[in-house]
Amino acid sequence: MEIVSVIPRGYCQGVVRAIRIAASTAKEYPDQKIYMLGMIVHNAYVVEACKQIGIRFIEDPGKTRLELLDEIDEGVVIFTAHGVSDAVRKKAEDKNLIVVDATCPDVIKTHDLVKEHSAIGHVLYIGKKNHPEAEGTTGLSERIHLISNKEDLQELPDYENVLITTQTTLSLLDTQDLLSACLEKYPDAKVMQEICNATRIRQEAVMKLKDTDLLIVVGDPRSNNSRQLAETGKRVGIKDCILIENVNELTESAVKDKKRIAVTSGSSTPNELTAQVISFLKTYAENGIWDLPQTINRPVL
């Protein structure tokens, strides 16, 4: 059994930045209540590490970021790496909250792009419905239209001066399908794909895998970029692709008799979790004994 450690993997720069901001905020405001508006990144272990240093999370899948702000009346609010709309930012300031912005620079770049174009035309934003990044971006203007499937296109009129752009964590392959549909309806549209480099190169690394029997993606099931890595593996012909949060979600039946196993992770997955999976698999490949570890290597901020 060969264990292939796919490179690159682990935190992207935007996630590293968000975690550093969270840690420094906890130190800077020791006497203040500190709230995170949503999950800092989509990984339960990173969220738990933030809770350990006193950060409180305001999260409800059924509410927008604007609505979640109603639950915060004082202290510090941290905007997550996914970004927020200008309306959320203004509401936080009007409530006299101390605002700390951990928005990923790639998301900020997309915000600047769509705000500039929506002043003179319309924007088709290819993204996931109810994803916080899509919510933050489409909330910047009524001229920004979320395209999560081809049916969304059918509801739109024949706009002129159209820009097509994307959520930063999408699948390269899925984006291409929707992009083609957008261009079929708006052939003169300008295209600016904003899939971040970290997401892109991780997906491309999976696309290049050869003779792989099993792809293991370590990541939170709520992480879009982690799910997309598993989907990318399936799209390029890897028969078995699984998404796990940690080593204890592995099963011997999934691994046994596989000749070549590749391991990667989403860009919001702590390296400690992925390293533990790889270490366990290598030990199993050497001695054939299935003895899962008693503890999980949790990250510490």
Protein backbone atom coordinates (compact mmCIF):
# COMPACT_ATOMS: atom_id res chain seq x y z
CA MET A 1 0.00 0.00 0.00
CA GLU A 2 1.39 3.39 -1.08
CA ILE A 3 0.34 6.54 0.77
CA VAL A 4 0.62 9.72 -1.32
CA SER A 5 0.69 13.01 0.53
CA VAL A 6 -0.77 15.52 -1.94
CA ILE A 7 1.01 18.87 -2.04
CA PRO A 8 -0.12 21.57 -1.40
CA ARG A 9 -2.56 21.04 1.44
CA GLY A 10 -3.53 22.73 4.70
CA TYR A 11 -4.23 26.35 5.55
CA CYS A 12 -4.24 28.97 2.83
CA GLN A 13 -2.91 32.47 3.58
CA GLY A 14 -6.42 33.86 4.10
CA VAL A 15 -7.14 31.30 6.81
CA VAL A 16 -3.79 31.88 8.49
CA ARG A 17 -4.52 35.61 8.50
CA ALA A 18 -8.01 35.12 9.99
CA ILE A 19 -6.69 32.89 12.76
CA ARG A 20 -3.94 35.36 13.62
CA ILE A 21 -6.46 38.20 13.74
CA ALA A 22 -8.73 36.19 16.06
CA ALA A 23 -5.84 35.36 18.41
CA SER A 24 -4.52 38.93 18.49
CA THR A 25 -8.02 40.32 19.08
CA ALA A 26 -8.48 38.09 22.14
CA LYS A 27 -5.22 39.46 23.55
CA GLU A 28 -6.00 43.07 22.69
CA TYR A 29 -9.45 43.14 24.28
CA PRO A 30 -9.21 40.91 27.38
CA ASP A 31 -12.00 42.78 29.17
CA GLN A 32 -14.44 42.89 26.26
CA LYS A 33 -16.97 40.35 25.04
CA ILE A 34 -15.67 39.15 21.67
CA TYR A 35 -18.07 37.74 19.08
CA MET A 36 -17.43 36.07 15.75
CA LEU A 37 -20.18 36.66 13.19
CA GLY A 38 -20.43 33.10 11.86
CA MET A 39 -17.68 30.47 11.74
CA ILE A 40 -14.20 32.00 11.42
CA VAL A 41 -13.57 29.38 8.73
CA HIS A 42 -15.54 26.23 8.02
CA ASN A 43 -13.74 23.90 10.37
CA ALA A 44 -15.10 22.78 13.74
CA TYR A 45 -11.62 22.32 15.25
CA VAL A 46 -10.56 25.88 14.44
CA VAL A 47 -13.84 27.15 15.90
CA GLU A 48 -13.24 25.18 19.09
CA ALA A 49 -9.71 26.57 19.36
CA CYS A 50 -11.17 30.08 19.14
CA LYS A 51 -13.70 29.27 21.86
CA GLN A 52 -10.84 28.19 24.12
CA ILE A 53 -9.46 31.74 24.04
CA GLY A 54 -12.82 33.30 24.83
CA ILE A 55 -14.36 34.05 21.43
CA ARG A 56 -18.13 33.58 21.22
CA PHE A 57 -19.73 32.47 17.97
CA ILE A 58 -23.02 33.80 16.63
CA GLU A 59 -24.18 31.30 14.02
CA ASP A 60 -27.59 30.32 12.65
CA PRO A 61 -27.91 28.77 9.15
CA GLY A 62 -31.39 30.27 8.90
CA LYS A 63 -30.25 33.86 9.45
CA THR A 64 -28.21 36.32 7.42
CA ARG A 65 -25.21 38.13 8.87
CA LEU A 66 -27.37 41.25 9.07
CA GLU A 67 -29.89 39.38 11.22
CA LEU A 68 -27.22 37.77 13.38
CA LEU A 69 -25.98 41.22 14.39
CA ASP A 70 -29.23 41.69 16.34
CA GLU A 71 -27.81 39.24 18.89
CA ILE A 72 -24.78 41.46 19.65
CA ASP A 73 -25.25 44.61 21.69
CA GLU A 74 -21.78 45.37 23.00
CA GLY A 75 -18.12 44.50 22.71
CA VAL A 76 -16.12 43.33 19.71
CA VAL A 77 -17.44 41.72 16.55
CA ILE A 78 -15.08 39.91 14.18
CA PHE A 79 -16.10 39.50 10.56
CA THR A 80 -15.05 36.09 9.25
CA ALA A 81 -12.76 35.27 6.35
CA HIS A 82 -15.83 34.96 4.09
CA GLY A 83 -16.51 38.72 4.16
CA VAL A 84 -19.69 40.75 4.73
CA SER A 85 -21.75 43.30 2.84
CA ASP A 86 -21.49 47.04 3.42
CA ALA A 87 -24.90 46.92 5.16
CA VAL A 88 -23.54 44.53 7.79
CA ARG A 89 -20.49 46.70 8.34
CA LYS A 90 -22.63 49.85 8.74
CA LYS A 91 -25.04 48.16 11.15
CA ALA A 92 -22.15 47.03 13.36
CA GLU A 93 -20.73 50.55 13.40
CA ASP A 94 -24.16 52.07 14.15
CA LYS A 95 -24.42 49.75 17.16
CA ASN A 96 -21.08 51.15 18.38
CA LEU A 97 -19.43 47.75 18.26
CA ILE A 98 -15.67 47.46 17.94
CA VAL A 99 -15.29 46.03 14.42
CA VAL A 100 -12.43 43.68 13.52
CA ASP A 101 -12.30 42.54 9.90
CA ALA A 102 -10.77 39.13 9.12
CA THR A 103 -12.05 39.04 5.52
CA CYS A 104 -9.75 37.10 3.18
CA PRO A 105 -7.83 39.45 0.84
CA ASP A 106 -9.05 37.41 -2.16
CA VAL A 107 -12.65 38.06 -1.11
CA ILE A 108 -11.91 41.76 -0.68
CA LYS A 109 -10.52 41.79 -4.21
CA THR A 110 -13.77 40.27 -5.50
CA HIS A 111 -15.82 42.82 -3.54
CA ASP A 112 -13.88 45.69 -5.09
CA LEU A 113 -14.36 44.20 -8.55
CA VAL A 114 -18.12 43.72 -8.33
CA LYS A 115 -18.78 47.07 -6.64
CA GLU A 116 -16.92 48.86 -9.40
CA HIS A 117 -18.79 47.08 -12.18
CA SER A 118 -22.25 47.15 -10.56
CA ALA A 119 -22.06 50.95 -10.70
CA ILE A 120 -22.18 50.77 -14.50
CA GLY A 121 -23.74 47.39 -15.29
CA HIS A 122 -24.82 44.02 -13.89
CA VAL A 123 -22.78 41.21 -12.32
CA LEU A 124 -23.47 37.49 -12.55
CA TYR A 125 -21.88 35.94 -9.47
CA ILE A 126 -21.42 32.19 -9.74
CA GLY A 127 -21.62 30.87 -6.19
CA LYS A 128 -23.33 28.65 -3.64
CA LYS A 129 -26.72 29.67 -2.27
CA ASN A 130 -26.65 30.41 1.49
CA HIS A 131 -22.86 30.38 1.60
CA PRO A 132 -21.57 33.32 3.70
CA GLU A 133 -19.15 34.45 1.01
CA ALA A 134 -21.92 34.54 -1.59
CA GLU A 135 -24.22 36.33 0.86
CA GLY A 136 -21.61 38.99 1.57
CA THR A 137 -20.81 39.61 -2.08
CA THR A 138 -24.33 39.62 -3.53
CA GLY A 139 -25.42 41.91 -0.71
CA LEU A 140 -23.20 44.68 -2.03
CA SER A 141 -25.65 45.73 -4.76
CA GLU A 142 -29.03 44.83 -6.22
CA ARG A 143 -27.23 44.55 -9.56
CA ILE A 144 -25.26 41.51 -8.39
CA HIS A 145 -27.13 38.31 -9.21
CA LEU A 146 -26.32 34.93 -7.64
CA ILE A 147 -26.03 32.11 -10.16
CA SER A 148 -25.98 28.78 -8.33
CA ASN A 149 -27.49 26.73 -11.16
CA LYS A 150 -28.64 27.11 -14.75
CA GLU A 151 -32.22 27.76 -13.67
CA ASP A 152 -31.11 31.02 -12.02
CA LEU A 153 -30.12 32.32 -15.45
CA GLN A 154 -33.59 31.78 -16.89
CA GLU A 155 -35.08 34.32 -14.49
CA LEU A 156 -32.80 37.15 -15.63
CA PRO A 157 -33.62 39.62 -18.44
CA ASP A 158 -31.27 40.48 -21.30
CA TYR A 159 -28.88 42.80 -19.47
CA GLU A 160 -26.19 44.78 -21.22
CA ASN A 161 -22.67 45.42 -19.88
CA VAL A 162 -22.46 42.17 -17.90
CA LEU A 163 -19.55 40.97 -15.78
CA ILE A 164 -19.32 37.28 -14.80
CA THR A 165 -17.31 36.37 -11.73
CA THR A 166 -17.14 33.62 -9.10
CA GLN A 167 -17.04 32.66 -5.46
CA THR A 168 -13.41 32.01 -4.50
CA THR A 169 -13.87 28.41 -3.25
CA LEU A 170 -15.71 26.79 -6.16
CA SER A 171 -14.80 23.76 -8.23
CA LEU A 172 -12.91 24.60 -11.41
CA LEU A 173 -14.91 21.97 -13.30
CA ASP A 174 -18.34 23.01 -12.01
CA THR A 175 -17.58 26.67 -12.56
CA GLN A 176 -16.75 26.00 -16.19
CA ASP A 177 -20.19 24.45 -16.78
CA LEU A 178 -22.03 27.44 -15.31
CA LEU A 179 -19.69 29.90 -16.98
CA SER A 180 -20.48 28.38 -20.37
CA ALA A 181 -24.20 28.70 -19.67
CA CYS A 182 -23.78 32.34 -18.65
CA LEU A 183 -21.83 33.12 -21.81
CA GLU A 184 -24.44 31.41 -23.94
CA LYS A 185 -27.04 33.86 -22.63
CA TYR A 186 -24.68 36.86 -22.44
CA PRO A 187 -22.07 36.25 -25.18
CA ASP A 188 -20.60 39.76 -24.84
CA ALA A 189 -20.07 39.50 -21.08
CA LYS A 190 -16.68 40.15 -19.53
CA VAL A 191 -15.33 37.21 -17.47
CA MET A 192 -13.20 37.57 -14.35
CA GLN A 193 -12.89 34.20 -12.59
CA GLU A 194 -12.06 34.83 -8.95
CA ILE A 195 -11.41 31.27 -7.72
CA CYS A 196 -8.54 31.84 -5.33
CA ASN A 197 -5.11 30.47 -6.11
CA ALA A 198 -5.10 28.23 -3.02
CA THR A 199 -8.34 26.56 -4.11
CA ARG A 200 -7.20 26.31 -7.71
CA ILE A 201 -3.81 24.67 -7.10
CA ARG A 202 -5.28 22.15 -4.63
CA GLN A 203 -7.86 21.08 -7.19
CA GLU A 204 -5.26 20.94 -9.95
CA ALA A 205 -3.06 18.72 -7.75
CA VAL A 206 -5.97 16.27 -7.39
CA MET A 207 -6.58 16.37 -11.16
CA LYS A 208 -2.98 15.29 -11.75
CA LEU A 209 -3.17 12.16 -9.56
CA LYS A 210 -2.54 8.93 -11.47
CA ASP A 211 -3.47 5.32 -10.68
CA THR A 212 -5.15 6.30 -7.40
CA ASP A 213 -7.56 3.83 -5.76
CA LEU A 214 -8.73 6.09 -2.96
CA LEU A 215 -8.68 9.84 -2.36
CA ILE A 216 -9.08 10.97 1.24
CA VAL A 217 -9.92 14.64 1.79
CA VAL A 218 -9.52 15.84 5.38
CA GLY A 219 -11.93 18.68 6.05
CA ASP A 220 -15.14 19.85 7.65
CA PRO A 221 -18.29 18.78 5.73
CA ARG A 222 -19.42 22.45 5.84
CA SER A 223 -16.25 23.52 4.02
CA ASN A 224 -17.09 24.15 0.38
CA ASN A 225 -13.46 23.94 -0.78
CA SER A 226 -13.03 20.59 1.03
CA ARG A 227 -16.17 19.13 -0.55
CA GLN A 228 -15.06 20.38 -3.95
CA LEU A 229 -11.75 18.51 -3.62
CA ALA A 230 -13.63 15.24 -3.16
CA GLU A 231 -15.95 16.07 -6.06
CA THR A 232 -12.96 16.94 -8.24
CA GLY A 233 -11.47 13.53 -7.51
CA LYS A 234 -14.68 11.84 -8.64
CA ARG A 235 -14.89 13.98 -11.76
CA VAL A 236 -11.39 12.98 -12.88
CA GLY A 237 -12.06 9.26 -12.43
CA ILE A 238 -10.87 8.32 -8.94
CA LYS A 239 -13.34 5.60 -8.03
CA ASP A 240 -13.43 6.12 -4.26
CA CYS A 241 -13.29 9.64 -2.77
CA ILE A 242 -14.17 10.29 0.85
CA LEU A 243 -14.33 13.39 3.05
CA ILE A 244 -13.44 12.92 6.73
CA GLU A 245 -13.06 15.38 9.60
CA ASN A 246 -10.35 13.43 11.41
CA VAL A 247 -8.50 10.12 11.56
CA ASN A 248 -11.19 8.42 13.65
CA GLU A 249 -13.66 8.68 10.77
CA LEU A 250 -11.52 6.29 8.74
CA THR A 251 -12.77 2.72 8.38
CA GLU A 252 -10.64 -0.30 7.59
CA SER A 253 -13.12 -1.42 4.94
CA ALA A 254 -12.56 1.82 3.01
CA VAL A 255 -8.78 1.46 3.12
CA LYS A 256 -8.10 -2.28 3.02
CA ASP A 257 -6.75 -3.74 -0.23
CA LYS A 258 -6.17 -0.29 -1.74
CA LYS A 259 -2.83 -0.14 -3.52
CA ARG A 260 -2.46 3.64 -3.80
CA ILE A 261 -4.14 6.10 -1.42
CA ALA A 262 -3.81 9.88 -1.82
CA VAL A 263 -4.46 12.26 1.08
CA THR A 264 -5.21 15.97 0.75
CA SER A 265 -7.10 18.57 2.76
CA GLY A 266 -9.17 21.70 2.42
CA SER A 267 -7.59 25.11 2.85
CA SER A 268 -9.32 25.58 6.23
CA THR A 269 -8.14 22.24 7.66
CA PRO A 270 -5.51 22.29 10.44
CA ASN A 271 -2.30 20.56 9.38
CA GLU A 272 -2.34 18.59 12.64
CA LEU A 273 -5.44 16.70 11.53
CA THR A 274 -4.12 15.79 8.10
CA ALA A 275 -0.69 14.79 9.42
CA GLN A 276 -2.35 12.41 11.89
CA VAL A 277 -4.30 10.73 9.07
CA ILE A 278 -1.17 10.29 6.95
CA SER A 279 0.86 8.97 9.90
CA PHE A 280 -1.82 6.44 10.81
CA LEU A 281 -2.16 5.19 7.22
CA LYS A 282 1.60 4.75 6.83
CA THR A 283 1.75 2.74 10.06
CA TYR A 284 -1.19 0.60 8.91
CA ALA A 285 0.50 0.04 5.54
CA GLU A 286 3.60 -1.21 7.33
CA ASN A 287 2.09 -3.55 9.94
CA GLY A 288 -1.53 -4.15 8.85
CA ILE A 289 -2.86 -3.42 12.34
CA TRP A 290 -5.98 -1.23 12.54
CA ASP A 291 -5.58 0.64 15.81
CA LEU A 292 -7.09 4.12 15.63
CA PRO A 293 -5.58 6.74 17.96
CA GLN A 294 -7.38 7.52 21.21
CA THR A 295 -6.95 11.29 20.86
CA ILE A 296 -7.22 13.78 17.98
CA ASN A 297 -4.40 16.25 17.36
CA ARG A 298 -6.39 19.45 17.84
CA PRO A 299 -4.96 22.85 16.80
CA VAL A 300 -4.11 25.48 19.38
CA LEU A 301 -4.20 29.19 18.53
